[in-house]
Amino acid sequence: MASGLATLLAVVLAYIAMWRPRVSEVTKESALAAERQPSVGYWLVTYMPWLLIVAFVGFAIWVVVYILYMAARPPNW
């Protein structure tokens, strides 16, 4: 029970830290905000953690490969 609570606490703390804005990007953002309006892609890359971006891209690649594989080799029911 204690190990489960410790794991849960570690996950919650890592999740909270993952969504905090990065310090160097906050200073860059304040300088760029005066010059131009950032695009959606720029905002997504600076706000969303790299771990989630890599996971989403990897999952999208896997989905495309799996669909192509199943289209080429349909099940023999």
PDB file of N, CA and C in Angstrom:
ATOM      1  N   MET A   1       0.819  -1.182   0.000  1.00  0.00           N
ATOM      2  CA  MET A   1       0.000   0.000   0.000  1.00  0.00           C
ATOM      3  C   MET A   1       0.869   1.254   0.000  1.00  0.00           C
ATOM      4  N   ALA A   2       1.922   1.240   0.778  1.00  0.00           N
ATOM      5  CA  ALA A   2       2.794   2.416   0.846  1.00  0.00           C
ATOM      6  C   ALA A   2       3.517   2.635  -0.476  1.00  0.00           C
ATOM      7  N   SER A   3       3.907   1.537  -1.138  1.00  0.00           N
ATOM      8  CA  SER A   3       4.596   1.709  -2.420  1.00  0.00           C
ATOM      9  C   SER A   3       3.645   2.256  -3.480  1.00  0.00           C
ATOM     10  N   GLY A   4       2.385   1.877  -3.435  1.00  0.00           N
ATOM     11  CA  GLY A   4       1.394   2.414  -4.367  1.00  0.00           C
ATOM     12  C   GLY A   4       1.161   3.897  -4.148  1.00  0.00           C
ATOM     13  N   LEU A   5       1.078   4.302  -2.872  1.00  0.00           N
ATOM     14  CA  LEU A   5       0.905   5.726  -2.578  1.00  0.00           C
ATOM     15  C   LEU A   5       2.136   6.534  -2.982  1.00  0.00           C
ATOM     16  N   ALA A   6       3.320   5.960  -2.790  1.00  0.00           N
ATOM     17  CA  ALA A   6       4.547   6.651  -3.187  1.00  0.00           C
ATOM     18  C   ALA A   6       4.609   6.799  -4.708  1.00  0.00           C
ATOM     19  N   THR A   7       4.209   5.767  -5.418  1.00  0.00           N
ATOM     20  CA  THR A   7       4.185   5.841  -6.878  1.00  0.00           C
ATOM     21  C   THR A   7       3.168   6.870  -7.357  1.00  0.00           C
ATOM     22  N   LEU A   8       1.999   6.878  -6.754  1.00  0.00           N
ATOM     23  CA  LEU A   8       0.981   7.851  -7.115  1.00  0.00           C
ATOM     24  C   LEU A   8       1.463   9.274  -6.851  1.00  0.00           C
ATOM     25  N   LEU A   9       2.102   9.506  -5.731  1.00  0.00           N
ATOM     26  CA  LEU A   9       2.637  10.818  -5.407  1.00  0.00           C
ATOM     27  C   LEU A   9       3.705  11.231  -6.417  1.00  0.00           C
ATOM     28  N   ALA A  10       4.575  10.309  -6.816  1.00  0.00           N
ATOM     29  CA  ALA A  10       5.617  10.616  -7.797  1.00  0.00           C
ATOM     30  C   ALA A  10       5.011  10.976  -9.148  1.00  0.00           C
ATOM     31  N   VAL A  11       3.980  10.265  -9.551  1.00  0.00           N
ATOM     32  CA  VAL A  11       3.331  10.552 -10.836  1.00  0.00           C
ATOM     33  C   VAL A  11       2.651  11.918 -10.796  1.00  0.00           C
ATOM     34  N   VAL A  12       1.961  12.220  -9.720  1.00  0.00           N
ATOM     35  CA  VAL A  12       1.274  13.508  -9.608  1.00  0.00           C
ATOM     36  C   VAL A  12       2.284  14.650  -9.615  1.00  0.00           C
ATOM     37  N   LEU A  13       3.368  14.524  -8.883  1.00  0.00           N
ATOM     38  CA  LEU A  13       4.374  15.579  -8.851  1.00  0.00           C
ATOM     39  C   LEU A  13       5.059  15.737 -10.198  1.00  0.00           C
ATOM     40  N   ALA A  14       5.329  14.638 -10.884  1.00  0.00           N
ATOM     41  CA  ALA A  14       5.935  14.718 -12.212  1.00  0.00           C
ATOM     42  C   ALA A  14       4.971  15.349 -13.199  1.00  0.00           C
ATOM     43  N   TYR A  15       3.690  15.050 -13.080  1.00  0.00           N
ATOM     44  CA  TYR A  15       2.693  15.608 -13.990  1.00  0.00           C
ATOM     45  C   TYR A  15       2.573  17.113 -13.801  1.00  0.00           C
ATOM     46  N   ILE A  16       2.579  17.565 -12.560  1.00  0.00           N
ATOM     47  CA  ILE A  16       2.485  19.003 -12.286  1.00  0.00           C
ATOM     48  C   ILE A  16       3.734  19.709 -12.806  1.00  0.00           C
ATOM     49  N   ALA A  17       4.906  19.134 -12.582  1.00  0.00           N
ATOM     50  CA  ALA A  17       6.147  19.752 -13.037  1.00  0.00           C
ATOM     51  C   ALA A  17       6.244  19.744 -14.556  1.00  0.00           C
ATOM     52  N   MET A  18       5.630  18.769 -15.185  1.00  0.00           N
ATOM     53  CA  MET A  18       5.700  18.653 -16.636  1.00  0.00           C
ATOM     54  C   MET A  18       4.951  19.790 -17.319  1.00  0.00           C
ATOM     55  N   TRP A  19       3.887  20.300 -16.716  1.00  0.00           N
ATOM     56  CA  TRP A  19       3.073  21.326 -17.348  1.00  0.00           C
ATOM     57  C   TRP A  19       3.494  22.746 -16.984  1.00  0.00           C
ATOM     58  N   ARG A  20       4.497  22.914 -16.123  1.00  0.00           N
ATOM     59  CA  ARG A  20       4.981  24.256 -15.806  1.00  0.00           C
ATOM     60  C   ARG A  20       5.691  24.847 -17.012  1.00  0.00           C
ATOM     61  N   PRO A  21       5.527  26.148 -17.263  1.00  0.00           N
ATOM     62  CA  PRO A  21       6.262  26.752 -18.377  1.00  0.00           C
ATOM     63  C   PRO A  21       7.753  26.792 -18.077  1.00  0.00           C
ATOM     64  N   ARG A  22       8.539  26.617 -19.112  1.00  0.00           N
ATOM     65  CA  ARG A  22       9.986  26.643 -18.947  1.00  0.00           C
ATOM     66  C   ARG A  22      10.436  28.087 -18.753  1.00  0.00           C
ATOM     67  N   VAL A  23      11.435  28.314 -17.913  1.00  0.00           N
ATOM     68  CA  VAL A  23      11.847  29.675 -17.545  1.00  0.00           C
ATOM     69  C   VAL A  23      12.420  30.412 -18.746  1.00  0.00           C
ATOM     70  N   SER A  24      13.283  29.758 -19.524  1.00  0.00           N
ATOM     71  CA  SER A  24      13.888  30.442 -20.662  1.00  0.00           C
ATOM     72  C   SER A  24      12.841  30.806 -21.712  1.00  0.00           C
ATOM     73  N   GLU A  25      11.822  29.992 -21.851  1.00  0.00           N
ATOM     74  CA  GLU A  25      10.791  30.272 -22.832  1.00  0.00           C
ATOM     75  C   GLU A  25       9.849  31.374 -22.356  1.00  0.00           C
ATOM     76  N   VAL A  26       9.713  31.528 -21.055  1.00  0.00           N
ATOM     77  CA  VAL A  26       8.871  32.611 -20.546  1.00  0.00           C
ATOM     78  C   VAL A  26       9.506  33.954 -20.904  1.00  0.00           C
ATOM     79  N   THR A  27      10.816  34.085 -20.761  1.00  0.00           N
ATOM     80  CA  THR A  27      11.476  35.344 -21.122  1.00  0.00           C
ATOM     81  C   THR A  27      11.433  35.563 -22.625  1.00  0.00           C
ATOM     82  N   LYS A  28      11.595  34.508 -23.413  1.00  0.00           N
ATOM     83  CA  LYS A  28      11.502  34.634 -24.865  1.00  0.00           C
ATOM     84  C   LYS A  28      10.076  35.025 -25.260  1.00  0.00           C
ATOM     85  N   GLU A  29       9.103  34.418 -24.604  1.00  0.00           N
ATOM     86  CA  GLU A  29       7.704  34.714 -24.924  1.00  0.00           C
ATOM     87  C   GLU A  29       7.370  36.168 -24.655  1.00  0.00           C
ATOM     88  N   SER A  30       7.854  36.708 -23.552  1.00  0.00           N
ATOM     89  CA  SER A  30       7.541  38.105 -23.242  1.00  0.00           C
ATOM     90  C   SER A  30       8.170  39.041 -24.261  1.00  0.00           C
ATOM     91  N   ALA A  31       9.335  38.695 -24.789  1.00  0.00           N
ATOM     92  CA  ALA A  31       9.971  39.523 -25.807  1.00  0.00           C
ATOM     93  C   ALA A  31       9.246  39.397 -27.142  1.00  0.00           C
ATOM     94  N   LEU A  32       8.813  38.195 -27.477  1.00  0.00           N
ATOM     95  CA  LEU A  32       8.125  37.989 -28.745  1.00  0.00           C
ATOM     96  C   LEU A  32       6.695  38.496 -28.727  1.00  0.00           C
ATOM     97  N   ALA A  33       6.082  38.550 -27.579  1.00  0.00           N
ATOM     98  CA  ALA A  33       4.694  38.998 -27.491  1.00  0.00           C
ATOM     99  C   ALA A  33       4.557  40.451 -27.923  1.00  0.00           C
ATOM    100  N   ALA A  34       5.561  41.246 -27.664  1.00  0.00           N
ATOM    101  CA  ALA A  34       5.509  42.644 -28.065  1.00  0.00           C
ATOM    102  C   ALA A  34       5.686  42.794 -29.575  1.00  0.00           C
ATOM    103  N   GLU A  35       6.416  41.847 -30.205  1.00  0.00           N
ATOM    104  CA  GLU A  35       6.707  41.949 -31.630  1.00  0.00           C
ATOM    105  C   GLU A  35       5.608  41.371 -32.509  1.00  0.00           C
ATOM    106  N   ARG A  36       5.164  40.159 -32.199  1.00  0.00           N
ATOM    107  CA  ARG A  36       4.198  39.500 -33.068  1.00  0.00           C
ATOM    108  C   ARG A  36       3.330  38.528 -32.266  1.00  0.00           C
ATOM    109  N   GLN A  37       2.235  38.126 -32.876  1.00  0.00           N
ATOM    110  CA  GLN A  37       1.344  37.144 -32.274  1.00  0.00           C
ATOM    111  C   GLN A  37       1.869  35.749 -32.608  1.00  0.00           C
ATOM    112  N   PRO A  38       2.145  34.890 -31.613  1.00  0.00           N
ATOM    113  CA  PRO A  38       2.681  33.552 -31.918  1.00  0.00           C
ATOM    114  C   PRO A  38       1.634  32.678 -32.594  1.00  0.00           C
ATOM    115  N   SER A  39       2.119  31.773 -33.437  1.00  0.00           N
ATOM    116  CA  SER A  39       1.219  30.858 -34.129  1.00  0.00           C
ATOM    117  C   SER A  39       0.778  29.741 -33.181  1.00  0.00           C
ATOM    118  N   VAL A  40      -0.198  28.975 -33.633  1.00  0.00           N
ATOM    119  CA  VAL A  40      -0.703  27.867 -32.805  1.00  0.00           C
ATOM    120  C   VAL A  40       0.372  26.805 -32.633  1.00  0.00           C
ATOM    121  N   GLY A  41       1.123  26.515 -33.688  1.00  0.00           N
ATOM    122  CA  GLY A  41       2.194  25.521 -33.595  1.00  0.00           C
ATOM    123  C   GLY A  41       3.274  25.929 -32.620  1.00  0.00           C
ATOM    124  N   TYR A  42       3.664  27.192 -32.657  1.00  0.00           N
ATOM    125  CA  TYR A  42       4.672  27.688 -31.721  1.00  0.00           C
ATOM    126  C   TYR A  42       4.162  27.613 -30.282  1.00  0.00           C
ATOM    127  N   TRP A  43       2.911  27.992 -30.100  1.00  0.00           N
ATOM    128  CA  TRP A  43       2.336  27.935 -28.759  1.00  0.00           C
ATOM    129  C   TRP A  43       2.293  26.498 -28.253  1.00  0.00           C
ATOM    130  N   LEU A  44       1.911  25.562 -29.137  1.00  0.00           N
ATOM    131  CA  LEU A  44       1.810  24.159 -28.742  1.00  0.00           C
ATOM    132  C   LEU A  44       3.165  23.603 -28.345  1.00  0.00           C
ATOM    133  N   VAL A  45       4.198  23.911 -29.126  1.00  0.00           N
ATOM    134  CA  VAL A  45       5.537  23.392 -28.840  1.00  0.00           C
ATOM    135  C   VAL A  45       6.092  23.985 -27.553  1.00  0.00           C
ATOM    136  N   THR A  46       5.818  25.261 -27.282  1.00  0.00           N
ATOM    137  CA  THR A  46       6.361  25.866 -26.067  1.00  0.00           C
ATOM    138  C   THR A  46       5.568  25.489 -24.820  1.00  0.00           C
ATOM    139  N   TYR A  47       4.288  25.169 -24.978  1.00  0.00           N
ATOM    140  CA  TYR A  47       3.456  24.894 -23.810  1.00  0.00           C
ATOM    141  C   TYR A  47       3.382  23.406 -23.497  1.00  0.00           C
ATOM    142  N   MET A  48       3.240  22.577 -24.514  1.00  0.00           N
ATOM    143  CA  MET A  48       3.038  21.146 -24.307  1.00  0.00           C
ATOM    144  C   MET A  48       4.377  20.452 -24.039  1.00  0.00           C
ATOM    145  N   PRO A  49       4.440  19.562 -23.080  1.00  0.00           N
ATOM    146  CA  PRO A  49       5.692  18.860 -22.775  1.00  0.00           C
ATOM    147  C   PRO A  49       6.147  17.992 -23.946  1.00  0.00           C
ATOM    148  N   TRP A  50       7.468  17.892 -24.112  1.00  0.00           N
ATOM    149  CA  TRP A  50       8.021  17.113 -25.215  1.00  0.00           C
ATOM    150  C   TRP A  50       7.621  15.650 -25.119  1.00  0.00           C
ATOM    151  N   LEU A  51       7.455  15.146 -23.930  1.00  0.00           N
ATOM    152  CA  LEU A  51       7.068  13.751 -23.751  1.00  0.00           C
ATOM    153  C   LEU A  51       5.726  13.471 -24.417  1.00  0.00           C
ATOM    154  N   LEU A  52       4.776  14.358 -24.250  1.00  0.00           N
ATOM    155  CA  LEU A  52       3.467  14.159 -24.872  1.00  0.00           C
ATOM    156  C   LEU A  52       3.510  14.366 -26.371  1.00  0.00           C
ATOM    157  N   ILE A  53       4.304  15.310 -26.848  1.00  0.00           N
ATOM    158  CA  ILE A  53       4.432  15.523 -28.284  1.00  0.00           C
ATOM    159  C   ILE A  53       5.006  14.280 -28.943  1.00  0.00           C
ATOM    160  N   VAL A  54       6.064  13.716 -28.368  1.00  0.00           N
ATOM    161  CA  VAL A  54       6.678  12.508 -28.923  1.00  0.00           C
ATOM    162  C   VAL A  54       5.706  11.332 -28.861  1.00  0.00           C
ATOM    163  N   ALA A  55       4.952  11.224 -27.776  1.00  0.00           N
ATOM    164  CA  ALA A  55       3.984  10.134 -27.647  1.00  0.00           C
ATOM    165  C   ALA A  55       2.885  10.252 -28.705  1.00  0.00           C
ATOM    166  N   PHE A  56       2.356  11.459 -28.928  1.00  0.00           N
ATOM    167  CA  PHE A  56       1.311  11.650 -29.936  1.00  0.00           C
ATOM    168  C   PHE A  56       1.835  11.375 -31.340  1.00  0.00           C
ATOM    169  N   VAL A  57       3.022  11.855 -31.651  1.00  0.00           N
ATOM    170  CA  VAL A  57       3.594  11.622 -32.984  1.00  0.00           C
ATOM    171  C   VAL A  57       3.872  10.131 -33.186  1.00  0.00           C
ATOM    172  N   GLY A  58       4.423   9.479 -32.178  1.00  0.00           N
ATOM    173  CA  GLY A  58       4.681   8.042 -32.282  1.00  0.00           C
ATOM    174  C   GLY A  58       3.407   7.246 -32.452  1.00  0.00           C
ATOM    175  N   PHE A  59       2.371   7.630 -31.733  1.00  0.00           N
ATOM    176  CA  PHE A  59       1.099   6.928 -31.853  1.00  0.00           C
ATOM    177  C   PHE A  59       0.490   7.145 -33.236  1.00  0.00           C
ATOM    178  N   ALA A  60       0.591   8.352 -33.765  1.00  0.00           N
ATOM    179  CA  ALA A  60       0.055   8.627 -35.102  1.00  0.00           C
ATOM    180  C   ALA A  60       0.793   7.811 -36.160  1.00  0.00           C
ATOM    181  N   ILE A  61       2.104   7.695 -36.036  1.00  0.00           N
ATOM    182  CA  ILE A  61       2.877   6.879 -36.983  1.00  0.00           C
ATOM    183  C   ILE A  61       2.474   5.423 -36.868  1.00  0.00           C
ATOM    184  N   TRP A  62       2.311   4.939 -35.640  1.00  0.00           N
ATOM    185  CA  TRP A  62       1.909   3.552 -35.441  1.00  0.00           C
ATOM    186  C   TRP A  62       0.534   3.280 -36.063  1.00  0.00           C
ATOM    187  N   VAL A  63      -0.395   4.203 -35.915  1.00  0.00           N
ATOM    188  CA  VAL A  63      -1.746   4.035 -36.470  1.00  0.00           C
ATOM    189  C   VAL A  63      -1.681   3.924 -37.990  1.00  0.00           C
ATOM    190  N   VAL A  64      -0.912   4.787 -38.624  1.00  0.00           N
ATOM    191  CA  VAL A  64      -0.808   4.744 -40.088  1.00  0.00           C
ATOM    192  C   VAL A  64      -0.172   3.437 -40.538  1.00  0.00           C
ATOM    193  N   VAL A  65       0.899   3.025 -39.889  1.00  0.00           N
ATOM    194  CA  VAL A  65       1.566   1.764 -40.262  1.00  0.00           C
ATOM    195  C   VAL A  65       0.644   0.583 -40.026  1.00  0.00           C
ATOM    196  N   TYR A  66      -0.079   0.570 -38.939  1.00  0.00           N
ATOM    197  CA  TYR A  66      -0.985  -0.539 -38.637  1.00  0.00           C
ATOM    198  C   TYR A  66      -2.125  -0.616 -39.654  1.00  0.00           C
ATOM    199  N   ILE A  67      -2.679   0.528 -40.036  1.00  0.00           N
ATOM    200  CA  ILE A  67      -3.762   0.538 -41.025  1.00  0.00           C
ATOM    201  C   ILE A  67      -3.251   0.027 -42.366  1.00  0.00           C
ATOM    202  N   LEU A  68      -2.073   0.469 -42.777  1.00  0.00           N
ATOM    203  CA  LEU A  68      -1.509  -0.006 -44.044  1.00  0.00           C
ATOM    204  C   LEU A  68      -1.208  -1.511 -43.988  1.00  0.00           C
ATOM    205  N   TYR A  69      -0.718  -1.975 -42.852  1.00  0.00           N
ATOM    206  CA  TYR A  69      -0.427  -3.401 -42.692  1.00  0.00           C
ATOM    207  C   TYR A  69      -1.708  -4.230 -42.763  1.00  0.00           C
ATOM    208  N   MET A  70      -2.745  -3.789 -42.071  1.00  0.00           N
ATOM    209  CA  MET A  70      -4.017  -4.533 -42.088  1.00  0.00           C
ATOM    210  C   MET A  70      -4.713  -4.443 -43.437  1.00  0.00           C
ATOM    211  N   ALA A  71      -4.520  -3.357 -44.169  1.00  0.00           N
ATOM    212  CA  ALA A  71      -5.125  -3.235 -45.503  1.00  0.00           C
ATOM    213  C   ALA A  71      -4.442  -4.174 -46.482  1.00  0.00           C
ATOM    214  N   ALA A  72      -3.142  -4.375 -46.308  1.00  0.00           N
ATOM    215  CA  ALA A  72      -2.403  -5.271 -47.201  1.00  0.00           C
ATOM    216  C   ALA A  72      -2.618  -6.738 -46.851  1.00  0.00           C
ATOM    217  N   ARG A  73      -2.868  -7.053 -45.594  1.00  0.00           N
ATOM    218  CA  ARG A  73      -3.061  -8.422 -45.147  1.00  0.00           C
ATOM    219  C   ARG A  73      -4.342  -8.527 -44.323  1.00  0.00           C
ATOM    220  N   PRO A  74      -5.499  -8.567 -44.982  1.00  0.00           N
ATOM    221  CA  PRO A  74      -6.753  -8.653 -44.228  1.00  0.00           C
ATOM    222  C   PRO A  74      -6.877 -10.003 -43.515  1.00  0.00           C
ATOM    223  N   PRO A  75      -7.655 -10.056 -42.447  1.00  0.00           N
ATOM    224  CA  PRO A  75      -7.827 -11.315 -41.739  1.00  0.00           C
ATOM    225  C   PRO A  75      -8.574 -12.343 -42.593  1.00  0.00           C
ATOM    226  N   ASN A  76      -8.247 -13.588 -42.395  1.00  0.00           N
ATOM    227  CA  ASN A  76      -8.849 -14.668 -43.166  1.00  0.00           C
ATOM    228  C   ASN A  76      -9.929 -15.347 -42.301  1.00  0.00           C
ATOM    229  N   TRP A  77     -11.095 -14.730 -42.253  1.00  0.00           N
ATOM    230  CA  TRP A  77     -12.162 -15.256 -41.416  1.00  0.00           C
ATOM    231  C   TRP A  77     -12.974 -16.177 -42.218  1.00  0.00           C
TER     232      TRP A  77
END
